[in-house]
């Protein structure tokens, strides 16, 4: 499907874009297929496909893999004008299966994204109403500091922009857990909407009751906490709000990118309601929140029926899952 017509972005997604080197069997033996990916990259693709004008910011290399990433973003209609070309190489994540479990060789040192610093922050277009941040770009340095600095700037610029955070926690990538937890807590305090999988929620707050742990996170500052629970659906908790929606029953092919699609679809649903602001989110009622959650859950359900991170286009949301 051709990319939608270019318009001023209303959602800015900032965070990792990388190449997943996915194992494939060939007559000569195992090979690796390079596929564009990264949690925030996937969110930007999904947001644009769902009809929300979207921009992306990260370090994109001028190497062959960086070109592949830019092409995939352009094909979805994502604006990459904020991404300055970098001579550093692209991040590669080699995936292997050991007894059915995915293992990763993450080649990220001195890459175009990893070496972003707070000095590299772009000027954000006035049209941007919402910032989405998250993923493993919050883990390493100096890029983690750059992402935190971006969120801090947006929170204090007086423009009333919405900030949404999904840390998409990957414990295997974390080298300094104390520093990482402190950063996530600071970012939760800056964000208006925080999305966590149930696994992420319990990693942060300890095992226990979802609602109790969610309330503890919400007490740190966000107006709305979204908790995804896989096949059990999703839940939203805010001041005087506690909404749950079931997940559509589908045949799961691949869960890669499902949470990223959920994030994008929730933001796209808010954009359609002209609700991409902290005050608008705070004013959402149970009915409006249920509709936005259902839209996000439906989009994620469609994505898991496909191999790889392949979020739906807007027109695909109208038919059966």
Protein backbone atom coordinates (compact mmCIF):
# COMPACT_ATOMS: atom_id res chain seq x y z
CA UNK A 1 0.00 0.00 0.00
CA UNK A 2 1.42 3.45 -0.83
CA UNK A 3 2.33 5.79 1.98
CA UNK A 4 -0.30 8.35 2.96
CA UNK A 5 0.10 11.93 1.86
CA UNK A 6 2.63 13.86 3.94
CA UNK A 7 1.17 16.17 6.58
CA UNK A 8 2.59 17.93 9.63
CA UNK A 9 3.36 15.34 12.32
CA UNK A 10 1.24 15.29 15.44
CA UNK A 11 3.07 12.37 17.10
CA UNK A 12 6.85 12.23 17.53
CA UNK A 13 8.33 8.80 18.30
CA UNK A 14 11.87 8.94 19.73
CA UNK A 15 13.87 5.79 20.32
CA UNK A 16 15.60 2.82 18.85
CA UNK A 17 15.69 1.70 15.25
CA UNK A 18 17.81 -1.35 14.51
CA UNK A 19 18.22 -4.32 12.24
CA UNK A 20 17.06 -7.70 13.52
CA UNK A 21 19.20 -10.41 11.95
CA UNK A 22 16.66 -13.22 11.91
CA UNK A 23 17.82 -16.83 11.38
CA UNK A 24 16.72 -18.60 8.21
CA UNK A 25 17.61 -22.06 6.93
CA UNK A 26 19.02 -22.25 3.42
CA UNK A 27 20.35 -25.21 1.39
CA UNK A 28 23.84 -24.08 2.43
CA UNK A 29 22.93 -23.90 6.13
CA UNK A 30 21.79 -21.17 8.51
CA UNK A 31 21.72 -17.62 7.24
CA UNK A 32 20.43 -14.35 8.66
CA UNK A 33 17.77 -12.14 7.11
CA UNK A 34 18.08 -8.41 7.96
CA UNK A 35 14.72 -6.95 8.97
CA UNK A 36 14.10 -3.39 10.20
CA UNK A 37 12.90 -3.21 13.78
CA UNK A 38 13.17 -1.71 17.24
CA UNK A 39 10.29 -0.99 19.61
CA UNK A 40 9.99 2.73 18.94
CA UNK A 41 10.64 2.26 15.22
CA UNK A 42 7.74 -0.22 15.18
CA UNK A 43 5.52 2.23 17.06
CA UNK A 44 6.24 4.97 14.50
CA UNK A 45 5.43 2.64 11.60
CA UNK A 46 2.18 1.53 13.23
CA UNK A 47 1.13 5.08 14.12
CA UNK A 48 1.55 6.28 10.54
CA UNK A 49 -0.20 3.23 9.10
CA UNK A 50 -3.14 3.92 11.39
CA UNK A 51 -3.51 7.40 9.97
CA UNK A 52 -1.82 9.61 12.56
CA UNK A 53 0.76 11.98 11.03
CA UNK A 54 3.98 10.77 12.65
CA UNK A 55 7.62 11.82 12.89
CA UNK A 56 10.60 9.79 14.11
CA UNK A 57 13.84 10.80 15.79
CA UNK A 58 16.89 8.63 16.38
CA UNK A 59 20.38 8.21 15.01
CA UNK A 60 20.09 6.72 11.51
CA UNK A 61 23.25 5.61 9.75
CA UNK A 62 24.15 6.27 6.13
CA UNK A 63 25.17 2.60 5.79
CA UNK A 64 23.10 0.04 3.88
CA UNK A 65 21.09 -0.85 6.99
CA UNK A 66 20.36 2.78 7.78
CA UNK A 67 19.03 3.19 4.25
CA UNK A 68 16.82 0.14 4.84
CA UNK A 69 15.44 1.71 8.02
CA UNK A 70 14.75 5.07 6.35
CA UNK A 71 13.05 3.35 3.42
CA UNK A 72 10.72 1.38 5.71
CA UNK A 73 9.77 4.55 7.58
CA UNK A 74 9.16 6.45 4.35
CA UNK A 75 7.04 3.63 2.94
CA UNK A 76 4.74 3.92 5.96
CA UNK A 77 4.57 7.70 5.65
CA UNK A 78 6.74 8.53 8.69
CA UNK A 79 8.57 11.88 8.59
CA UNK A 80 12.32 11.36 9.21
CA UNK A 81 13.34 14.97 8.67
CA UNK A 82 14.60 15.27 12.26
CA UNK A 83 17.07 12.39 11.80
CA UNK A 84 20.46 13.74 10.78
CA UNK A 85 22.55 11.29 8.70
CA UNK A 86 25.32 9.63 10.71
CA UNK A 87 28.54 8.01 9.51
CA UNK A 88 28.40 5.61 12.46
CA UNK A 89 27.12 2.13 11.74
CA UNK A 90 23.64 0.77 12.43
CA UNK A 91 22.77 -1.38 15.44
CA UNK A 92 22.44 -5.08 14.65
CA UNK A 93 20.64 -7.66 16.80
CA UNK A 94 21.42 -11.25 15.81
CA UNK A 95 18.68 -13.63 16.93
CA UNK A 96 19.29 -17.32 17.57
CA UNK A 97 17.04 -19.98 19.05
CA UNK A 98 18.42 -22.14 21.84
CA UNK A 99 15.99 -24.87 22.93
CA UNK A 100 13.15 -22.78 21.52
CA UNK A 101 14.18 -19.62 23.39
CA UNK A 102 15.38 -16.51 21.59
CA UNK A 103 18.93 -15.39 22.41
CA UNK A 104 20.41 -12.12 21.19
CA UNK A 105 23.83 -10.91 20.13
CA UNK A 106 23.43 -7.15 20.32
CA UNK A 107 26.03 -5.15 18.36
CA UNK A 108 25.46 -1.61 19.57
CA UNK A 109 28.77 -0.07 20.61
CA UNK A 110 29.54 3.27 18.90
CA UNK A 111 26.48 3.06 16.66
CA UNK A 112 24.48 5.91 15.17
CA UNK A 113 21.74 5.64 17.76
CA UNK A 114 23.74 4.62 20.83
CA UNK A 115 26.02 7.67 20.52
CA UNK A 116 23.26 10.30 20.50
CA UNK A 117 23.80 12.89 23.24
CA UNK A 118 21.62 15.63 24.77
CA UNK A 119 23.47 18.06 22.49
CA UNK A 120 21.89 16.30 19.50
CA UNK A 121 18.29 17.03 20.50
CA UNK A 122 16.24 18.39 17.58
CA UNK A 123 13.96 21.39 17.53
CA UNK A 124 10.48 19.94 17.81
CA UNK A 125 7.98 21.20 15.20
CA UNK A 126 5.11 23.24 16.61
CA UNK A 127 2.67 20.77 15.04
CA UNK A 128 3.82 17.94 17.34
CA UNK A 129 1.22 17.34 20.04
CA UNK A 130 2.58 14.15 21.59
CA UNK A 131 5.97 12.60 22.32
CA UNK A 132 6.39 8.83 22.59
CA UNK A 133 9.58 7.48 24.18
CA UNK A 134 10.72 4.10 25.41
CA UNK A 135 12.49 0.88 24.59
CA UNK A 136 16.12 -0.13 24.98
CA UNK A 137 17.23 3.35 23.95
CA UNK A 138 16.63 4.22 27.63
CA UNK A 139 19.25 1.71 28.79
CA UNK A 140 22.62 2.57 27.23
CA UNK A 141 24.68 5.73 27.32
CA UNK A 142 24.88 8.39 26.09
CA UNK A 143 21.58 7.78 24.25
CA UNK A 144 19.65 7.10 27.46
CA UNK A 145 20.56 10.55 28.74
CA UNK A 146 19.55 12.04 25.38
CA UNK A 147 16.11 10.46 25.55
CA UNK A 148 15.57 11.56 29.12
CA UNK A 149 16.70 15.09 28.20
CA UNK A 150 14.20 15.15 25.33
CA UNK A 151 11.32 14.14 27.61
CA UNK A 152 12.44 16.68 30.21
CA UNK A 153 12.54 19.45 27.61
CA UNK A 154 9.08 18.60 26.28
CA UNK A 155 7.66 18.41 29.81
CA UNK A 156 8.94 21.89 30.59
CA UNK A 157 8.48 23.75 27.32
CA UNK A 158 5.00 25.05 28.17
CA UNK A 159 3.46 23.73 24.95
CA UNK A 160 1.07 21.33 26.69
CA UNK A 161 2.30 18.32 24.75
CA UNK A 162 1.35 14.80 25.83
CA UNK A 163 4.16 12.44 26.84
CA UNK A 164 3.69 8.68 26.61
CA UNK A 165 6.26 6.20 27.94
CA UNK A 166 6.68 2.48 27.36
CA UNK A 167 10.01 1.29 28.82
CA UNK A 168 9.54 -2.12 27.16
CA UNK A 169 11.88 -3.57 29.76
CA UNK A 170 14.50 -6.08 28.61
CA UNK A 171 16.36 -7.21 31.75
CA UNK A 172 19.05 -8.93 29.69
CA UNK A 173 20.22 -5.58 28.30
CA UNK A 174 20.43 -3.81 31.66
CA UNK A 175 23.94 -3.51 33.09
CA UNK A 176 23.30 -1.02 35.93
CA UNK A 177 19.88 -1.88 37.34
CA UNK A 178 19.97 0.82 40.01
CA UNK A 179 20.63 3.60 37.50
CA UNK A 180 18.07 2.19 35.07
CA UNK A 181 15.34 1.96 37.70
CA UNK A 182 16.06 5.54 38.74
CA UNK A 183 15.76 6.74 35.14
CA UNK A 184 12.48 4.89 34.58
CA UNK A 185 11.07 6.36 37.78
CA UNK A 186 12.03 9.87 36.65
CA UNK A 187 10.47 9.32 33.24
CA UNK A 188 7.29 7.93 34.79
CA UNK A 189 7.10 11.17 36.74
CA UNK A 190 7.35 13.18 33.51
CA UNK A 191 4.89 11.09 31.47
CA UNK A 192 1.14 11.60 31.29
CA UNK A 193 0.46 8.11 29.92
CA UNK A 194 2.58 5.09 30.86
CA UNK A 195 2.14 1.72 29.25
CA UNK A 196 3.55 -1.44 30.85
CA UNK A 197 3.08 -5.08 30.08
CA UNK A 198 2.09 -7.06 33.14
CA UNK A 199 5.62 -8.52 33.14
CA UNK A 200 7.15 -5.03 33.09
CA UNK A 201 4.81 -3.92 35.87
CA UNK A 202 5.86 -6.75 38.16
CA UNK A 203 9.55 -6.28 37.31
CA UNK A 204 9.28 -2.67 38.43
CA UNK A 205 7.01 -3.09 41.44
CA UNK A 206 7.39 -6.74 42.47
CA UNK A 207 4.95 -9.61 42.04
CA UNK A 208 1.43 -9.10 43.34
CA UNK A 209 -1.96 -7.76 42.37
CA UNK A 210 -2.09 -5.88 39.05
CA UNK A 211 -4.37 -3.12 40.34
CA UNK A 212 -2.30 -2.56 43.48
CA UNK A 213 0.96 -2.39 41.53
CA UNK A 214 -0.64 -0.14 38.91
CA UNK A 215 -1.86 2.29 41.55
CA UNK A 216 1.66 2.44 42.95
CA UNK A 217 3.01 3.38 39.53
CA UNK A 218 0.27 5.94 38.99
CA UNK A 219 1.17 7.55 42.31
CA UNK A 220 4.52 8.47 40.74
CA UNK A 221 2.80 10.99 38.49
CA UNK A 222 1.15 9.73 35.28
CA UNK A 223 -2.51 10.52 34.72
CA UNK A 224 -3.11 7.17 33.06
CA UNK A 225 -1.47 3.76 33.32
CA UNK A 226 -2.12 1.17 30.63
CA UNK A 227 -1.35 -2.47 31.39
CA UNK A 228 -1.31 -5.04 28.59
CA UNK A 229 -1.95 -8.63 29.60
CA UNK A 230 -1.46 -10.61 26.41
CA UNK A 231 -4.41 -12.84 25.57
CA UNK A 232 -6.25 -11.46 28.62
CA UNK A 233 -6.58 -8.01 27.06
CA UNK A 234 -5.67 -4.62 28.49
CA UNK A 235 -6.48 -2.44 31.47
CA UNK A 236 -6.38 1.31 32.05
CA UNK A 237 -6.15 2.85 35.50
CA UNK A 238 -6.41 6.55 36.29
CA UNK A 239 -8.02 8.91 38.76
CA UNK A 240 -11.48 7.43 39.31
CA UNK A 241 -10.97 5.12 36.31
CA UNK A 242 -10.43 1.40 36.03
CA UNK A 243 -11.33 -0.02 32.61
CA UNK A 244 -10.64 -3.44 31.13
CA UNK A 245 -11.16 -4.74 27.60
CA UNK A 246 -10.73 -8.33 26.42
CA UNK A 247 -8.40 -9.30 23.61
CA UNK A 248 -10.02 -10.59 20.42
CA UNK A 249 -9.62 -14.33 19.95
CA UNK A 250 -7.09 -14.89 17.18
CA UNK A 251 -4.61 -17.49 16.00
CA UNK A 252 -1.23 -16.20 17.11
CA UNK A 253 1.57 -16.42 14.57
CA UNK A 254 4.10 -14.05 16.12
CA UNK A 255 3.88 -11.64 19.05
CA UNK A 256 6.79 -9.46 17.88
CA UNK A 257 5.69 -5.82 17.83
CA UNK A 258 2.29 -6.39 19.43
CA UNK A 259 2.95 -4.00 22.31
CA UNK A 260 4.41 -1.43 19.92
CA UNK A 261 1.27 -1.60 17.79
CA UNK A 262 -0.87 -1.21 20.90
CA UNK A 263 1.00 1.97 21.83
CA UNK A 264 0.59 3.46 18.37
CA UNK A 265 -3.08 2.57 18.15
CA UNK A 266 -3.85 4.11 21.54
CA UNK A 267 -2.18 7.37 20.47
CA UNK A 268 -3.93 7.23 17.09
CA UNK A 269 -7.27 6.81 18.88
CA UNK A 270 -6.51 9.87 21.01
CA UNK A 271 -5.49 11.83 17.91
CA UNK A 272 -8.78 10.98 16.22
CA UNK A 273 -10.58 12.39 19.27
CA UNK A 274 -8.35 15.48 19.29
CA UNK A 275 -7.27 14.34 22.75
CA UNK A 276 -3.46 14.49 22.45
CA UNK A 277 -2.95 16.72 25.48
CA UNK A 278 -2.53 16.12 29.22
CA UNK A 279 -5.81 17.86 30.01
CA UNK A 280 -7.72 15.90 27.38
CA UNK A 281 -6.37 12.60 28.74
CA UNK A 282 -7.31 13.63 32.27
CA UNK A 283 -10.85 14.38 31.06
CA UNK A 284 -11.41 10.98 29.40
CA UNK A 285 -14.44 9.13 30.73
CA UNK A 286 -14.89 5.39 31.04
CA UNK A 287 -16.65 5.15 27.67
CA UNK A 288 -14.03 7.10 25.73
CA UNK A 289 -11.21 5.24 27.43
CA UNK A 290 -12.85 1.89 26.71
CA UNK A 291 -13.12 2.77 23.01
CA UNK A 292 -9.46 3.81 22.81
CA UNK A 293 -8.36 0.66 24.64
CA UNK A 294 -10.49 -1.54 22.40
CA UNK A 295 -9.02 0.08 19.28
CA UNK A 296 -5.47 -0.46 20.56
CA UNK A 297 -6.19 -4.06 21.57
CA UNK A 298 -7.76 -4.79 18.19
CA UNK A 299 -4.74 -3.41 16.33
CA UNK A 300 -2.39 -5.52 18.45
CA UNK A 301 -4.54 -8.60 17.84
CA UNK A 302 -4.26 -8.12 14.08
CA UNK A 303 -0.49 -7.73 14.34
CA UNK A 304 -0.01 -11.07 16.13
CA UNK A 305 -1.74 -12.94 13.30
CA UNK A 306 1.24 -12.03 11.08
CA UNK A 307 4.91 -12.99 11.06
CA UNK A 308 7.25 -10.30 12.32
CA UNK A 309 6.39 -6.74 13.28
CA UNK A 310 3.70 -5.98 10.70
CA UNK A 311 1.08 -3.60 12.13
CA UNK A 312 -2.24 -3.04 10.36
CA UNK A 313 -3.13 -0.15 8.11
CA UNK A 314 -6.12 1.96 9.01
CA UNK A 315 -8.42 0.33 6.46
CA UNK A 316 -7.64 -3.11 7.91
CA UNK A 317 -9.14 -2.08 11.24
CA UNK A 318 -12.65 -2.08 9.78
CA UNK A 319 -12.92 -5.77 8.85
CA UNK A 320 -12.80 -8.95 10.94
CA UNK A 321 -9.66 -9.68 12.92
